[in-house]
Structures are given as structure tokens and as C-alpha cells.
């Protein structure tokens, strides 16, 4: 069985405190329990000692990654951009009646 607890301290629409427990059993049956306001706070305090979690520190260090190339479409031809994005002519289609075509 897999469970997920969602806690919303204050709903932006109605201002209520909401706790939702979503359970998925081995047969992929989903059941949802939702509590609001005082019942939500009591429900969460009952569940707190049963919740398993792991705190992972956030790592903001730079990673070495490969080069990024942007694929784009110019006049119906697929191209790959190797330079800066300001030189792209994105969204151009060939139209012989327009005078802006080269």
C-alpha cells in the first residue's frame, strides 16, 4: 500500500485548512480521505508519528552537462541552432506573396 499526504495550511479560495490522504493498494484501487479545518488538524496530528520521510539537502552545485542545441523550423526546414537565440527567425514560413521573404 502506498499513501500520500497533502497538507494545505490555507486554501487560497476559501481559507480553510485541508488535509488529504490518498491511498493506493496493491490492486491499484485509489481511495481518498479529505478533512477540513479542525478535523484536518486533528487528523494530521494522529498521522504525524506514522509518516516516514527523508530530509534531503538541496544541492545547487553546477553539474557538467553536454551542449544544448535548439532544434527549430525555418521555412519548413528543420534546423539546429548552434549560436545564440537572438539570431533565430522562429516561426517563419515561405510565402511567395509576402515581400519580406529573402
C-alpha atoms as a PDB file:
ATOM      1  CA  UNK A   1       0.000   0.000   0.000  1.00  0.00           C
ATOM      2  CA  UNK A   2       1.219   3.466  -0.882  1.00  0.00           C
ATOM      3  CA  UNK A   3      -0.050   6.603   0.855  1.00  0.00           C
ATOM      4  CA  UNK A   4       0.472  10.276   0.145  1.00  0.00           C
ATOM      5  CA  UNK A   5      -0.480  13.111   2.494  1.00  0.00           C
ATOM      6  CA  UNK A   6      -1.182  16.574   1.093  1.00  0.00           C
ATOM      7  CA  UNK A   7      -1.409  19.451   3.567  1.00  0.00           C
ATOM      8  CA  UNK A   8      -2.675  22.909   2.669  1.00  0.00           C
ATOM      9  CA  UNK A   9      -2.460  25.307   5.603  1.00  0.00           C
ATOM     10  CA  UNK A  10      -4.765  27.876   3.992  1.00  0.00           C
ATOM     11  CA  UNK A  11      -6.767  27.417   0.819  1.00  0.00           C
ATOM     12  CA  UNK A  12      -6.356  30.488  -1.438  1.00  0.00           C
ATOM     13  CA  UNK A  13     -10.054  30.364  -2.371  1.00  0.00           C
ATOM     14  CA  UNK A  14     -11.950  29.561   0.832  1.00  0.00           C
ATOM     15  CA  UNK A  15      -9.262  29.988   3.521  1.00  0.00           C
ATOM     16  CA  UNK A  16      -9.806  26.530   5.062  1.00  0.00           C
ATOM     17  CA  UNK A  17      -7.082  24.173   6.269  1.00  0.00           C
ATOM     18  CA  UNK A  18      -7.191  20.997   4.184  1.00  0.00           C
ATOM     19  CA  UNK A  19      -5.512  17.596   4.677  1.00  0.00           C
ATOM     20  CA  UNK A  20      -5.925  14.910   2.034  1.00  0.00           C
ATOM     21  CA  UNK A  21      -4.725  11.316   2.357  1.00  0.00           C
ATOM     22  CA  UNK A  22      -4.537   9.377  -0.913  1.00  0.00           C
ATOM     23  CA  UNK A  23      -4.138   5.603  -0.612  1.00  0.00           C
ATOM     24  CA  UNK A  24      -3.282   3.155  -3.391  1.00  0.00           C
ATOM     25  CA  UNK A  25      -3.441  -0.561  -2.615  1.00  0.00           C
ATOM     26  CA  UNK A  26      -1.780  -3.469  -4.420  1.00  0.00           C
ATOM     27  CA  UNK A  27      -4.735  -3.820  -6.823  1.00  0.00           C
ATOM     28  CA  UNK A  28      -4.348  -0.143  -7.891  1.00  0.00           C
ATOM     29  CA  UNK A  29      -7.549   0.891  -6.140  1.00  0.00           C
ATOM     30  CA  UNK A  30      -7.418   4.539  -5.093  1.00  0.00           C
ATOM     31  CA  UNK A  31      -9.184   5.898  -2.036  1.00  0.00           C
ATOM     32  CA  UNK A  32      -9.112   9.490  -0.825  1.00  0.00           C
ATOM     33  CA  UNK A  33      -9.798  10.858   2.659  1.00  0.00           C
ATOM     34  CA  UNK A  34     -10.159  14.631   2.942  1.00  0.00           C
ATOM     35  CA  UNK A  35     -10.545  16.555   6.192  1.00  0.00           C
ATOM     36  CA  UNK A  36     -11.141  20.289   6.639  1.00  0.00           C
ATOM     37  CA  UNK A  37     -10.309  22.804   9.419  1.00  0.00           C
ATOM     38  CA  UNK A  38     -10.374  21.384  12.986  1.00  0.00           C
ATOM     39  CA  UNK A  39     -10.805  17.791  11.814  1.00  0.00           C
ATOM     40  CA  UNK A  40      -7.883  18.269   9.426  1.00  0.00           C
ATOM     41  CA  UNK A  41      -5.544  19.418  12.194  1.00  0.00           C
ATOM     42  CA  UNK A  42      -6.580  16.516  14.449  1.00  0.00           C
ATOM     43  CA  UNK A  43      -6.183  14.041  11.576  1.00  0.00           C
ATOM     44  CA  UNK A  44      -2.695  15.338  10.804  1.00  0.00           C
ATOM     45  CA  UNK A  45      -1.553  15.117  14.438  1.00  0.00           C
ATOM     46  CA  UNK A  46      -2.698  11.472  14.540  1.00  0.00           C
ATOM     47  CA  UNK A  47      -0.764  10.701  11.352  1.00  0.00           C
ATOM     48  CA  UNK A  48       2.475  12.571  12.157  1.00  0.00           C
ATOM     49  CA  UNK A  49       4.161   9.742  14.047  1.00  0.00           C
ATOM     50  CA  UNK A  50       3.300   7.256  11.267  1.00  0.00           C
ATOM     51  CA  UNK A  51       4.732   9.328   8.409  1.00  0.00           C
ATOM     52  CA  UNK A  52       8.056   8.118   7.033  1.00  0.00           C
ATOM     53  CA  UNK A  53      10.143  10.692   5.246  1.00  0.00           C
ATOM     54  CA  UNK A  54      13.716  11.544   4.487  1.00  0.00           C
ATOM     55  CA  UNK A  55      15.150  15.044   4.562  1.00  0.00           C
ATOM     56  CA  UNK A  56      17.480  15.602   1.636  1.00  0.00           C
ATOM     57  CA  UNK A  57      19.587  18.741   1.424  1.00  0.00           C
ATOM     58  CA  UNK A  58      19.180  20.703  -1.779  1.00  0.00           C
ATOM     59  CA  UNK A  59      22.315  20.630  -3.904  1.00  0.00           C
ATOM     60  CA  UNK A  60      22.694  23.762  -6.036  1.00  0.00           C
ATOM     61  CA  UNK A  61      26.171  22.956  -7.328  1.00  0.00           C
ATOM     62  CA  UNK A  62      26.789  23.180 -11.036  1.00  0.00           C
ATOM     63  CA  UNK A  63      26.867  19.921 -12.899  1.00  0.00           C
ATOM     64  CA  UNK A  64      28.867  19.244 -16.006  1.00  0.00           C
ATOM     65  CA  UNK A  65      26.392  18.698 -18.786  1.00  0.00           C
ATOM     66  CA  UNK A  66      26.574  18.409 -22.522  1.00  0.00           C
ATOM     67  CA  UNK A  67      25.945  21.168 -25.020  1.00  0.00           C
ATOM     68  CA  UNK A  68      22.375  22.155 -25.712  1.00  0.00           C
ATOM     69  CA  UNK A  69      21.273  22.650 -29.295  1.00  0.00           C
ATOM     70  CA  UNK A  70      17.886  24.079 -30.130  1.00  0.00           C
ATOM     71  CA  UNK A  71      16.019  22.459 -32.990  1.00  0.00           C
ATOM     72  CA  UNK A  72      13.804  24.896 -34.880  1.00  0.00           C
ATOM     73  CA  UNK A  73      11.871  25.173 -38.113  1.00  0.00           C
ATOM     74  CA  UNK A  74      12.699  27.852 -40.687  1.00  0.00           C
ATOM     75  CA  UNK A  75      10.713  27.984 -43.913  1.00  0.00           C
ATOM     76  CA  UNK A  76       9.601  24.386 -43.408  1.00  0.00           C
ATOM     77  CA  UNK A  77      13.166  23.090 -42.977  1.00  0.00           C
ATOM     78  CA  UNK A  78      14.251  21.622 -39.672  1.00  0.00           C
ATOM     79  CA  UNK A  79      17.482  23.237 -38.488  1.00  0.00           C
ATOM     80  CA  UNK A  80      19.638  23.156 -35.395  1.00  0.00           C
ATOM     81  CA  UNK A  81      20.852  26.326 -33.727  1.00  0.00           C
ATOM     82  CA  UNK A  82      24.467  26.327 -32.577  1.00  0.00           C
ATOM     83  CA  UNK A  83      24.661  30.044 -31.777  1.00  0.00           C
ATOM     84  CA  UNK A  84      22.765  32.495 -29.605  1.00  0.00           C
ATOM     85  CA  UNK A  85      18.983  32.526 -29.625  1.00  0.00           C
ATOM     86  CA  UNK A  86      18.649  36.185 -30.664  1.00  0.00           C
ATOM     87  CA  UNK A  87      19.635  35.387 -34.270  1.00  0.00           C
ATOM     88  CA  UNK A  88      16.846  32.875 -34.822  1.00  0.00           C
ATOM     89  CA  UNK A  89      13.964  33.601 -37.159  1.00  0.00           C
ATOM     90  CA  UNK A  90      11.396  31.473 -35.400  1.00  0.00           C
ATOM     91  CA  UNK A  91       8.013  30.772 -36.931  1.00  0.00           C
ATOM     92  CA  UNK A  92       8.837  31.866 -40.477  1.00  0.00           C
ATOM     93  CA  UNK A  93       7.090  30.104 -43.319  1.00  0.00           C
ATOM     94  CA  UNK A  94       7.716  30.582 -47.003  1.00  0.00           C
ATOM     95  CA  UNK A  95       5.118  32.728 -48.728  1.00  0.00           C
ATOM     96  CA  UNK A  96       5.831  33.979 -52.251  1.00  0.00           C
ATOM     97  CA  UNK A  97       3.233  36.758 -51.949  1.00  0.00           C
ATOM     98  CA  UNK A  98       4.932  38.461 -48.996  1.00  0.00           C
ATOM     99  CA  UNK A  99       7.717  40.942 -49.748  1.00  0.00           C
ATOM    100  CA  UNK A 100       9.608  40.218 -46.501  1.00  0.00           C
ATOM    101  CA  UNK A 101      10.918  36.881 -47.789  1.00  0.00           C
ATOM    102  CA  UNK A 102      14.595  36.918 -48.845  1.00  0.00           C
END
